[in-house]
């Protein structure tokens, strides 16, 4: 190959791969995308890796300080976990172990989704901004569309439903508050962030979706907590405390909620049985 000559790059190089949905996302910065891709290349079939930050900075062509900020941001946004080696692990590696988290963004696996957010989340965003009864039905249709395609309910879909529940109840309690006056872009970013935290409650913290629904309804009924639990992050951070107080007060989901969308979807798919039990 001659320098300056035109060529076809198809299958000519070894390198890092960035999924289209991640590439198109406005939630993730360009350097964060590159870092995620390089970590994925390190991880390979194992799905985990432990490169030194000095080495990662060299491979990305940036400083170690930038790498630290990027890793911190990817962890906060729910794309990665990082663990320091302990005990026997230190015999095989002395650097931080990185593993990947399935993010709601990845539920959209093709270019038609628009990239910045999963169709489901976009539908929630649009319908919430309008707020009519007809729009609520449309929200249900949009949210369940991808679920019904394969008759399967992943924790990500449940997280989206729970996020919508928390978002709606907060606005209902404070219709003139900051959340009700967010721009479309701000609302989109907020919903993605919250659903990521609630998905962590299910996947990482091993909390039952029905239990999460009970806690959401409780904290938004309680005179004290509804003024304090105003985000998915705060819900996760205070979850154990909220549940203990819920149990202590003996407050459960109203019987009228037995036919909630979450319960119906859970019963239809036969998964997350705990959700329908908790609501009864």
Foldseek 3Di string as FASTA:
>chain_A
DDPPDDDDCVPVDDDFDAAQLQVQAPLADPLLSRLLRVQCVQCPPVQKHFDALCVSCVVSVHDSVVSVVSVVVCVLLQFKDWDADDDPRVVVPGGIMIHTGDAQSVLDRDDVQRRRGGQLLLLLLVLVLVPDPVSVVVNLCRLCVSCVVVLHDDLLSLLLVLLSVLLVLLCVVPVPDPSVPDDSVVVSSQSRSLSSLSSCCCPVVVDQSLLLSFLSVQLSVDPPNSVPPNGSVSCNVCVVVSSVVCVVVVDAADLVCLPPPSNVSCVSSVPSPVNNVRND
